[in-house]
Amino acid sequence: MAIRIWHQSFTVLGNLPAYADALDAHFRKVARPDTEVVLHGMHDKTYRTNYPGTDIRHAYLQYLHGQQFVMGGLAAEEQGFDAYAIMSLPEPALRETRSVLDIPVVAYGESSMLTATMLGERMGVLMFIEEMTPQIEENARRVGLAARFGGARYVGFGFNDVLAGYSSPAPLLEKFHVAARAMIRDGVDVIIPGEAPLCVLLARNGINRVDNVPVLDALGATIKMAEAMVDLKRACGVSPARNGYFTAKPPRERINELITLYGMDPLRQQPGTR
């Protein structure tokens, strides 16, 4: 039975056509033939430039932007999608989004960390938004994997370098290998590419190992997690917990009232991609 997954990026995909095309091609490769991954980005007025990192390195600005992830999740459920995928390493508003949706909600960082535990003993993240390191460490603790988390480190290049690397990858791939080997020397045996644009760059160039250490396709792991959660729901009736502060589901009508009160109606996602 077919599956439709709403992909939610932390970027304005309309401003990044090369990245959006690379994402689409990669999802077609990793998803099952009957799975449709529909790309969605942020509101086109979200950032001052095409680079979200200037904002999301700050906790409060990321918190504000996180409301769009909740809006996207609500739209995904209302439009009949089978799963909602938060495709961003920091996983903004993940708990809050899960608390208001009945469809499976999966996230990039959590899915990759959980998958990494089946591949090795100690995982590490290489990322280009260095200021988010404390948040990624906190996310590992939230998932219960602090003891197996070898840290998050700067990969040695930035967002715009990655975009340029889609057409000229060799210099960045060399820098990635240098950073990866340094992490391996410190005891990491599974490497997670931090931000999704980096993951796409590595995947499209066939980088899935450095020496004897796997480099996880975090985008692929997240899509496969979404498919698995939909399968479990359909076959076994698996659904989210609904007791307690983090998981109790508020009434949808009250959610809608407050969205209007706080002036967030323009953020409600419409059907379509990018």
C-alpha atoms as a PDB file:
ATOM      1  CA  MET A   1       0.000   0.000   0.000  1.00  0.00           C
ATOM      2  CA  ALA A   2       1.362   3.401  -0.984  1.00  0.00           C
ATOM      3  CA  ILE A   3       2.813   5.868   1.536  1.00  0.00           C
ATOM      4  CA  ARG A   4       2.917   9.666   1.291  1.00  0.00           C
ATOM      5  CA  ILE A   5       5.516  11.440   3.447  1.00  0.00           C
ATOM      6  CA  TRP A   6       5.543  15.199   4.039  1.00  0.00           C
ATOM      7  CA  HIS A   7       9.188  16.312   4.096  1.00  0.00           C
ATOM      8  CA  GLN A   8       9.781  19.556   6.028  1.00  0.00           C
ATOM      9  CA  SER A   9      13.040  21.397   5.509  1.00  0.00           C
ATOM     10  CA  PHE A  10      14.496  24.218   7.615  1.00  0.00           C
ATOM     11  CA  THR A  11      15.423  25.989   4.370  1.00  0.00           C
ATOM     12  CA  VAL A  12      13.361  27.956   1.863  1.00  0.00           C
ATOM     13  CA  LEU A  13      13.614  25.346  -0.859  1.00  0.00           C
ATOM     14  CA  GLY A  14      12.416  27.734  -3.538  1.00  0.00           C
ATOM     15  CA  ASN A  15      15.639  29.698  -3.025  1.00  0.00           C
ATOM     16  CA  LEU A  16      17.808  26.582  -3.325  1.00  0.00           C
ATOM     17  CA  PRO A  17      16.833  24.770  -6.540  1.00  0.00           C
ATOM     18  CA  ALA A  18      20.026  22.704  -6.797  1.00  0.00           C
ATOM     19  CA  TYR A  19      19.590  21.455  -3.229  1.00  0.00           C
ATOM     20  CA  ALA A  20      15.881  20.758  -3.746  1.00  0.00           C
ATOM     21  CA  ASP A  21      16.604  18.798  -6.930  1.00  0.00           C
ATOM     22  CA  ALA A  22      19.322  16.805  -5.138  1.00  0.00           C
ATOM     23  CA  LEU A  23      16.937  16.008  -2.285  1.00  0.00           C
ATOM     24  CA  ASP A  24      14.216  14.879  -4.667  1.00  0.00           C
ATOM     25  CA  ALA A  25      16.599  12.617  -6.573  1.00  0.00           C
ATOM     26  CA  HIS A  26      17.946  11.102  -3.359  1.00  0.00           C
ATOM     27  CA  PHE A  27      14.499  10.391  -1.926  1.00  0.00           C
ATOM     28  CA  ARG A  28      13.490   8.679  -5.159  1.00  0.00           C
ATOM     29  CA  LYS A  29      16.532   6.455  -4.741  1.00  0.00           C
ATOM     30  CA  VAL A  30      16.101   5.509  -1.069  1.00  0.00           C
ATOM     31  CA  ALA A  31      12.306   5.340  -0.710  1.00  0.00           C
ATOM     32  CA  ARG A  32      10.227   2.345  -1.716  1.00  0.00           C
ATOM     33  CA  PRO A  33       8.728   2.497  -5.227  1.00  0.00           C
ATOM     34  CA  ASP A  34       5.255   3.143  -3.808  1.00  0.00           C
ATOM     35  CA  THR A  35       6.423   5.849  -1.371  1.00  0.00           C
ATOM     36  CA  GLU A  36       5.998   9.482  -2.366  1.00  0.00           C
ATOM     37  CA  VAL A  37       8.136  12.050  -0.534  1.00  0.00           C
ATOM     38  CA  VAL A  38       6.732  15.545  -1.059  1.00  0.00           C
ATOM     39  CA  LEU A  39       9.200  18.354  -0.392  1.00  0.00           C
ATOM     40  CA  HIS A  40       8.203  21.394   1.660  1.00  0.00           C
ATOM     41  CA  GLY A  41      10.306  24.314   2.841  1.00  0.00           C
ATOM     42  CA  MET A  42       9.876  27.323   5.069  1.00  0.00           C
ATOM     43  CA  HIS A  43       7.781  30.400   4.282  1.00  0.00           C
ATOM     44  CA  ASP A  44       9.575  32.423   1.609  1.00  0.00           C
ATOM     45  CA  LYS A  45       9.965  35.423   3.955  1.00  0.00           C
ATOM     46  CA  THR A  46      11.498  33.433   6.817  1.00  0.00           C
ATOM     47  CA  TYR A  47      15.149  34.440   6.402  1.00  0.00           C
ATOM     48  CA  ARG A  48      17.065  37.488   5.227  1.00  0.00           C
ATOM     49  CA  THR A  49      19.173  35.338   2.873  1.00  0.00           C
ATOM     50  CA  ASN A  50      19.067  31.778   1.562  1.00  0.00           C
ATOM     51  CA  TYR A  51      21.089  30.650   4.603  1.00  0.00           C
ATOM     52  CA  PRO A  52      19.079  29.659   7.716  1.00  0.00           C
ATOM     53  CA  GLY A  53      22.140  29.174   9.933  1.00  0.00           C
ATOM     54  CA  THR A  54      22.421  32.858  10.823  1.00  0.00           C
ATOM     55  CA  ASP A  55      19.095  32.514  12.647  1.00  0.00           C
ATOM     56  CA  ILE A  56      18.932  28.921  13.846  1.00  0.00           C
ATOM     57  CA  ARG A  57      22.240  29.114  15.704  1.00  0.00           C
ATOM     58  CA  HIS A  58      20.292  31.196  18.263  1.00  0.00           C
ATOM     59  CA  ALA A  59      17.936  29.326  20.588  1.00  0.00           C
ATOM     60  CA  TYR A  60      15.125  31.876  20.615  1.00  0.00           C
ATOM     61  CA  LEU A  61      15.101  32.464  16.859  1.00  0.00           C
ATOM     62  CA  GLN A  62      15.063  28.721  16.273  1.00  0.00           C
ATOM     63  CA  TYR A  63      12.168  28.439  18.742  1.00  0.00           C
ATOM     64  CA  LEU A  64      10.185  31.031  16.781  1.00  0.00           C
ATOM     65  CA  HIS A  65      10.907  29.351  13.453  1.00  0.00           C
ATOM     66  CA  GLY A  66       9.915  26.032  15.000  1.00  0.00           C
ATOM     67  CA  GLN A  67       6.261  27.071  14.852  1.00  0.00           C
ATOM     68  CA  GLN A  68       6.398  26.493  11.115  1.00  0.00           C
ATOM     69  CA  PHE A  69       7.221  22.849  11.764  1.00  0.00           C
ATOM     70  CA  VAL A  70       4.079  22.486  13.854  1.00  0.00           C
ATOM     71  CA  MET A  71       2.070  24.242  11.120  1.00  0.00           C
ATOM     72  CA  GLY A  72       3.535  21.909   8.532  1.00  0.00           C
ATOM     73  CA  GLY A  73       2.629  18.877  10.613  1.00  0.00           C
ATOM     74  CA  LEU A  74      -0.958  20.034  11.032  1.00  0.00           C
ATOM     75  CA  ALA A  75      -1.212  20.616   7.296  1.00  0.00           C
ATOM     76  CA  ALA A  76       0.279  17.204   6.558  1.00  0.00           C
ATOM     77  CA  GLU A  77      -2.328  15.452   8.679  1.00  0.00           C
ATOM     78  CA  GLU A  78      -5.190  17.550   7.337  1.00  0.00           C
ATOM     79  CA  GLN A  79      -4.106  16.817   3.750  1.00  0.00           C
ATOM     80  CA  GLY A  80      -4.009  13.064   4.315  1.00  0.00           C
ATOM     81  CA  PHE A  81      -0.290  12.388   4.443  1.00  0.00           C
ATOM     82  CA  ASP A  82       0.729   9.127   6.118  1.00  0.00           C
ATOM     83  CA  ALA A  83       3.814  10.483   7.928  1.00  0.00           C
ATOM     84  CA  TYR A  84       5.565  13.754   8.701  1.00  0.00           C
ATOM     85  CA  ALA A  85       9.359  14.019   8.484  1.00  0.00           C
ATOM     86  CA  ILE A  86      11.238  16.844  10.235  1.00  0.00           C
ATOM     87  CA  MET A  87      14.332  16.841   8.029  1.00  0.00           C
ATOM     88  CA  SER A  88      16.596  19.041  10.095  1.00  0.00           C
ATOM     89  CA  LEU A  89      19.329  18.056  12.535  1.00  0.00           C
ATOM     90  CA  PRO A  90      18.135  20.259  15.459  1.00  0.00           C
ATOM     91  CA  GLU A  91      14.566  18.869  15.141  1.00  0.00           C
ATOM     92  CA  PRO A  92      12.672  22.063  16.042  1.00  0.00           C
ATOM     93  CA  ALA A  93       9.384  21.555  17.894  1.00  0.00           C
ATOM     94  CA  LEU A  94       9.610  17.763  17.588  1.00  0.00           C
ATOM     95  CA  ARG A  95       7.916  17.010  20.899  1.00  0.00           C
ATOM     96  CA  GLU A  96       5.268  19.651  20.357  1.00  0.00           C
ATOM     97  CA  THR A  97       4.520  18.413  16.843  1.00  0.00           C
ATOM     98  CA  ARG A  98       4.166  14.816  17.995  1.00  0.00           C
ATOM     99  CA  SER A  99       1.790  15.905  20.735  1.00  0.00           C
ATOM    100  CA  VAL A 100      -0.729  17.324  18.246  1.00  0.00           C
ATOM    101  CA  LEU A 101      -0.587  14.715  15.438  1.00  0.00           C
ATOM    102  CA  ASP A 102      -1.844  11.160  15.144  1.00  0.00           C
ATOM    103  CA  ILE A 103       0.216  10.337  12.053  1.00  0.00           C
ATOM    104  CA  PRO A 104       3.815   9.175  12.661  1.00  0.00           C
ATOM    105  CA  VAL A 105       6.323  12.006  13.137  1.00  0.00           C
ATOM    106  CA  VAL A 106       9.977  11.183  12.518  1.00  0.00           C
ATOM    107  CA  ALA A 107      13.033  13.430  12.702  1.00  0.00           C
ATOM    108  CA  TYR A 108      16.476  13.535  11.113  1.00  0.00           C
ATOM    109  CA  GLY A 109      18.679  13.626  14.211  1.00  0.00           C
ATOM    110  CA  GLU A 110      16.711  11.110  16.242  1.00  0.00           C
ATOM    111  CA  SER A 111      16.334   8.656  13.350  1.00  0.00           C
ATOM    112  CA  SER A 112      20.025   8.794  12.492  1.00  0.00           C
ATOM    113  CA  MET A 113      21.142   8.409  16.117  1.00  0.00           C
ATOM    114  CA  LEU A 114      18.872   5.420  16.700  1.00  0.00           C
ATOM    115  CA  THR A 115      20.043   3.807  13.461  1.00  0.00           C
ATOM    116  CA  ALA A 116      23.671   4.449  14.395  1.00  0.00           C
ATOM    117  CA  THR A 117      23.280   2.339  17.546  1.00  0.00           C
ATOM    118  CA  MET A 118      22.740  -0.683  15.293  1.00  0.00           C
ATOM    119  CA  LEU A 119      25.916  -0.018  13.318  1.00  0.00           C
ATOM    120  CA  GLY A 120      28.494   0.691  15.994  1.00  0.00           C
ATOM    121  CA  GLU A 121      29.113   1.577  19.622  1.00  0.00           C
ATOM    122  CA  ARG A 122      29.906   5.288  19.558  1.00  0.00           C
ATOM    123  CA  MET A 123      28.469   7.852  17.154  1.00  0.00           C
ATOM    124  CA  GLY A 124      29.620  11.349  16.261  1.00  0.00           C
ATOM    125  CA  VAL A 125      28.166  14.223  14.239  1.00  0.00           C
ATOM    126  CA  LEU A 126      30.075  16.408  11.779  1.00  0.00           C
ATOM    127  CA  MET A 127      28.272  19.677  11.107  1.00  0.00           C
ATOM    128  CA  PHE A 128      28.772  23.126   9.622  1.00  0.00           C
ATOM    129  CA  ILE A 129      26.676  25.188  12.084  1.00  0.00           C
ATOM    130  CA  GLU A 130      29.139  24.924  14.941  1.00  0.00           C
ATOM    131  CA  GLU A 131      27.037  27.022  17.336  1.00  0.00           C
ATOM    132  CA  MET A 132      24.362  24.293  17.494  1.00  0.00           C
ATOM    133  CA  THR A 133      26.746  21.779  19.104  1.00  0.00           C
ATOM    134  CA  PRO A 134      25.198  22.092  22.613  1.00  0.00           C
ATOM    135  CA  GLN A 135      21.739  21.506  21.185  1.00  0.00           C
ATOM    136  CA  ILE A 136      22.794  18.321  19.390  1.00  0.00           C
ATOM    137  CA  GLU A 137      24.419  17.059  22.579  1.00  0.00           C
ATOM    138  CA  GLU A 138      21.195  17.804  24.447  1.00  0.00           C
ATOM    139  CA  ASN A 139      19.165  15.975  21.789  1.00  0.00           C
ATOM    140  CA  ALA A 140      21.354  12.893  22.241  1.00  0.00           C
ATOM    141  CA  ARG A 141      20.578  12.995  25.968  1.00  0.00           C
ATOM    142  CA  ARG A 142      16.867  13.378  25.245  1.00  0.00           C
ATOM    143  CA  VAL A 143      16.920  10.249  23.098  1.00  0.00           C
ATOM    144  CA  GLY A 144      18.766   8.430  25.887  1.00  0.00           C
ATOM    145  CA  LEU A 145      22.008   7.997  23.954  1.00  0.00           C
ATOM    146  CA  ALA A 146      24.398  10.314  25.799  1.00  0.00           C
ATOM    147  CA  ALA A 147      26.640   7.400  26.808  1.00  0.00           C
ATOM    148  CA  ARG A 148      27.088   6.447  23.155  1.00  0.00           C
ATOM    149  CA  PHE A 149      27.468   9.960  21.779  1.00  0.00           C
ATOM    150  CA  GLY A 150      31.017  10.915  20.858  1.00  0.00           C
ATOM    151  CA  GLY A 151      30.239  14.569  20.273  1.00  0.00           C
ATOM    152  CA  ALA A 152      29.390  17.030  17.516  1.00  0.00           C
ATOM    153  CA  ARG A 153      32.174  18.882  15.716  1.00  0.00           C
ATOM    154  CA  TYR A 154      32.701  21.452  12.987  1.00  0.00           C
ATOM    155  CA  VAL A 155      33.321  19.708   9.688  1.00  0.00           C
ATOM    156  CA  GLY A 156      35.605  22.431   8.356  1.00  0.00           C
ATOM    157  CA  PHE A 157      33.392  24.209   5.807  1.00  0.00           C
ATOM    158  CA  GLY A 158      30.052  25.990   5.630  1.00  0.00           C
ATOM    159  CA  PHE A 159      26.634  26.040   4.008  1.00  0.00           C
ATOM    160  CA  ASN A 160      27.575  27.993   0.884  1.00  0.00           C
ATOM    161  CA  ASP A 161      30.615  25.750   0.421  1.00  0.00           C
ATOM    162  CA  VAL A 162      28.288  22.749   0.385  1.00  0.00           C
ATOM    163  CA  LEU A 163      25.997  24.332  -2.195  1.00  0.00           C
ATOM    164  CA  ALA A 164      29.001  25.031  -4.423  1.00  0.00           C
ATOM    165  CA  GLY A 165      30.183  21.479  -3.765  1.00  0.00           C
ATOM    166  CA  TYR A 166      27.229  20.004  -5.640  1.00  0.00           C
ATOM    167  CA  SER A 167      29.016  20.971  -8.872  1.00  0.00           C
ATOM    168  CA  SER A 168      32.627  20.726  -7.617  1.00  0.00           C
ATOM    169  CA  PRO A 169      32.744  18.264  -4.711  1.00  0.00           C
ATOM    170  CA  ALA A 170      36.382  17.129  -4.543  1.00  0.00           C
ATOM    171  CA  PRO A 171      37.784  19.823  -2.175  1.00  0.00           C
ATOM    172  CA  LEU A 172      34.939  19.403   0.326  1.00  0.00           C
ATOM    173  CA  LEU A 173      35.104  15.626   0.254  1.00  0.00           C
ATOM    174  CA  GLU A 174      38.794  15.840   1.115  1.00  0.00           C
ATOM    175  CA  LYS A 175      38.061  18.144   4.066  1.00  0.00           C
ATOM    176  CA  PHE A 176      35.272  15.830   5.209  1.00  0.00           C
ATOM    177  CA  HIS A 177      37.645  12.861   5.245  1.00  0.00           C
ATOM    178  CA  VAL A 178      40.151  14.838   7.330  1.00  0.00           C
ATOM    179  CA  ALA A 179      37.472  15.758   9.885  1.00  0.00           C
ATOM    180  CA  ALA A 180      36.063  12.230   9.911  1.00  0.00           C
ATOM    181  CA  ARG A 181      39.455  10.615  10.532  1.00  0.00           C
ATOM    182  CA  ALA A 182      40.101  12.969  13.443  1.00  0.00           C
ATOM    183  CA  MET A 183      36.801  11.898  14.979  1.00  0.00           C
ATOM    184  CA  ILE A 184      37.591   8.233  14.346  1.00  0.00           C
ATOM    185  CA  ARG A 185      40.929   8.597  16.131  1.00  0.00           C
ATOM    186  CA  ASP A 186      38.990   9.800  19.169  1.00  0.00           C
ATOM    187  CA  GLY A 187      36.912   6.626  19.287  1.00  0.00           C
ATOM    188  CA  VAL A 188      33.857   7.288  17.093  1.00  0.00           C
ATOM    189  CA  ASP A 189      32.813   4.324  14.951  1.00  0.00           C
ATOM    190  CA  VAL A 190      29.691   5.729  13.235  1.00  0.00           C
ATOM    191  CA  ILE A 191      29.648   9.183  11.642  1.00  0.00           C
ATOM    192  CA  ILE A 192      26.426  11.133  11.108  1.00  0.00           C
ATOM    193  CA  PRO A 193      26.485  14.003   8.578  1.00  0.00           C
ATOM    194  CA  GLY A 194      25.007  16.886  10.528  1.00  0.00           C
ATOM    195  CA  GLU A 195      22.915  19.094   8.311  1.00  0.00           C
ATOM    196  CA  ALA A 196      20.856  17.633   5.462  1.00  0.00           C
ATOM    197  CA  PRO A 197      22.690  19.558   2.675  1.00  0.00           C
ATOM    198  CA  LEU A 198      25.932  17.880   3.790  1.00  0.00           C
ATOM    199  CA  CYS A 199      24.232  14.493   3.834  1.00  0.00           C
ATOM    200  CA  VAL A 200      23.039  14.974   0.247  1.00  0.00           C
ATOM    201  CA  LEU A 201      26.527  15.975  -0.895  1.00  0.00           C
ATOM    202  CA  LEU A 202      28.060  12.839   0.602  1.00  0.00           C
ATOM    203  CA  ALA A 203      25.323  10.508  -0.616  1.00  0.00           C
ATOM    204  CA  ARG A 204      25.387  11.701  -4.212  1.00  0.00           C
ATOM    205  CA  ASN A 205      29.157  11.114  -4.240  1.00  0.00           C
ATOM    206  CA  GLY A 206      28.881   7.618  -2.806  1.00  0.00           C
ATOM    207  CA  ILE A 207      30.518   8.395   0.538  1.00  0.00           C
ATOM    208  CA  ASN A 208      29.159   5.776   2.943  1.00  0.00           C
ATOM    209  CA  ARG A 209      32.393   4.828   4.728  1.00  0.00           C
ATOM    210  CA  VAL A 210      35.618   6.442   5.836  1.00  0.00           C
ATOM    211  CA  ASP A 211      38.223   3.732   6.268  1.00  0.00           C
ATOM    212  CA  ASN A 212      36.394   1.087   8.321  1.00  0.00           C
ATOM    213  CA  VAL A 213      33.709   3.384   9.761  1.00  0.00           C
ATOM    214  CA  PRO A 214      30.201   3.831   8.308  1.00  0.00           C
ATOM    215  CA  VAL A 215      29.014   7.286   7.285  1.00  0.00           C
ATOM    216  CA  LEU A 216      25.277   7.131   7.826  1.00  0.00           C
ATOM    217  CA  ASP A 217      22.843   8.374   5.210  1.00  0.00           C
ATOM    218  CA  ALA A 218      20.729  10.253   7.735  1.00  0.00           C
ATOM    219  CA  LEU A 219      18.178  11.334   5.123  1.00  0.00           C
ATOM    220  CA  GLY A 220      17.714   7.744   3.999  1.00  0.00           C
ATOM    221  CA  ALA A 221      17.474   6.540   7.605  1.00  0.00           C
ATOM    222  CA  THR A 222      14.735   9.086   8.319  1.00  0.00           C
ATOM    223  CA  ILE A 223      12.668   8.076   5.291  1.00  0.00           C
ATOM    224  CA  LYS A 224      13.044   4.399   6.184  1.00  0.00           C
ATOM    225  CA  MET A 225      12.005   5.190   9.767  1.00  0.00           C
ATOM    226  CA  ALA A 226       8.904   6.943   8.437  1.00  0.00           C
ATOM    227  CA  GLU A 227       8.017   3.967   6.254  1.00  0.00           C
ATOM    228  CA  ALA A 228       8.536   1.577   9.172  1.00  0.00           C
ATOM    229  CA  MET A 229       6.347   3.637  11.513  1.00  0.00           C
ATOM    230  CA  VAL A 230       3.551   3.777   8.937  1.00  0.00           C
ATOM    231  CA  ASP A 231       3.834   0.010   8.443  1.00  0.00           C
ATOM    232  CA  LEU A 232       3.653  -0.566  12.205  1.00  0.00           C
ATOM    233  CA  LYS A 233       0.614   1.661  12.524  1.00  0.00           C
ATOM    234  CA  ARG A 234      -1.198  -0.113   9.704  1.00  0.00           C
ATOM    235  CA  ALA A 235      -0.230  -3.647  10.683  1.00  0.00           C
ATOM    236  CA  CYS A 236      -0.148  -3.452  14.481  1.00  0.00           C
ATOM    237  CA  GLY A 237      -2.075  -0.335  15.447  1.00  0.00           C
ATOM    238  CA  VAL A 238       0.999   1.383  16.905  1.00  0.00           C
ATOM    239  CA  SER A 239       0.210   4.977  17.884  1.00  0.00           C
ATOM    240  CA  PRO A 240       1.694   7.681  20.144  1.00  0.00           C
ATOM    241  CA  ALA A 241       1.337   7.801  23.912  1.00  0.00           C
ATOM    242  CA  ARG A 242      -1.338  10.248  25.027  1.00  0.00           C
ATOM    243  CA  ASN A 243      -0.773  10.656  28.767  1.00  0.00           C
ATOM    244  CA  GLY A 244       1.479  13.137  30.499  1.00  0.00           C
ATOM    245  CA  TYR A 245       2.701  16.641  29.772  1.00  0.00           C
ATOM    246  CA  PHE A 246       4.759  15.929  26.644  1.00  0.00           C
ATOM    247  CA  THR A 247       2.325  13.581  24.892  1.00  0.00           C
ATOM    248  CA  ALA A 248      -1.244  14.600  25.862  1.00  0.00           C
ATOM    249  CA  LYS A 249      -3.046  15.858  22.754  1.00  0.00           C
ATOM    250  CA  PRO A 250      -4.799  19.242  23.025  1.00  0.00           C
ATOM    251  CA  PRO A 251      -8.120  19.796  21.216  1.00  0.00           C
ATOM    252  CA  ARG A 252      -7.620  20.792  17.576  1.00  0.00           C
ATOM    253  CA  GLU A 253     -10.208  23.558  17.836  1.00  0.00           C
ATOM    254  CA  ARG A 254      -8.235  25.160  20.671  1.00  0.00           C
ATOM    255  CA  ILE A 255      -5.026  24.849  18.647  1.00  0.00           C
ATOM    256  CA  ASN A 256      -6.713  26.640  15.750  1.00  0.00           C
ATOM    257  CA  GLU A 257      -8.015  29.411  18.023  1.00  0.00           C
ATOM    258  CA  LEU A 258      -4.539  30.092  19.387  1.00  0.00           C
ATOM    259  CA  ILE A 259      -2.895  29.967  15.958  1.00  0.00           C
ATOM    260  CA  THR A 260      -5.249  32.777  14.968  1.00  0.00           C
ATOM    261  CA  LEU A 261      -4.724  34.675  18.231  1.00  0.00           C
ATOM    262  CA  TYR A 262      -0.950  34.685  17.753  1.00  0.00           C
ATOM    263  CA  GLY A 263      -1.233  35.739  14.122  1.00  0.00           C
ATOM    264  CA  MET A 264       0.200  32.534  12.659  1.00  0.00           C
ATOM    265  CA  ASP A 265      -2.501  31.784  10.089  1.00  0.00           C
ATOM    266  CA  PRO A 266      -0.211  32.915   7.208  1.00  0.00           C
ATOM    267  CA  LEU A 267       2.179  30.108   8.177  1.00  0.00           C
ATOM    268  CA  ARG A 268      -0.370  27.376   7.495  1.00  0.00           C
ATOM    269  CA  GLN A 269       1.064  25.283   4.672  1.00  0.00           C
ATOM    270  CA  GLN A 270      -0.841  24.864   1.445  1.00  0.00           C
ATOM    271  CA  PRO A 271      -0.739  21.782  -0.824  1.00  0.00           C
ATOM    272  CA  GLY A 272       2.281  21.560  -3.094  1.00  0.00           C
ATOM    273  CA  THR A 273       6.039  21.268  -2.974  1.00  0.00           C
ATOM    274  CA  ARG A 274       8.951  23.542  -2.152  1.00  0.00           C
END
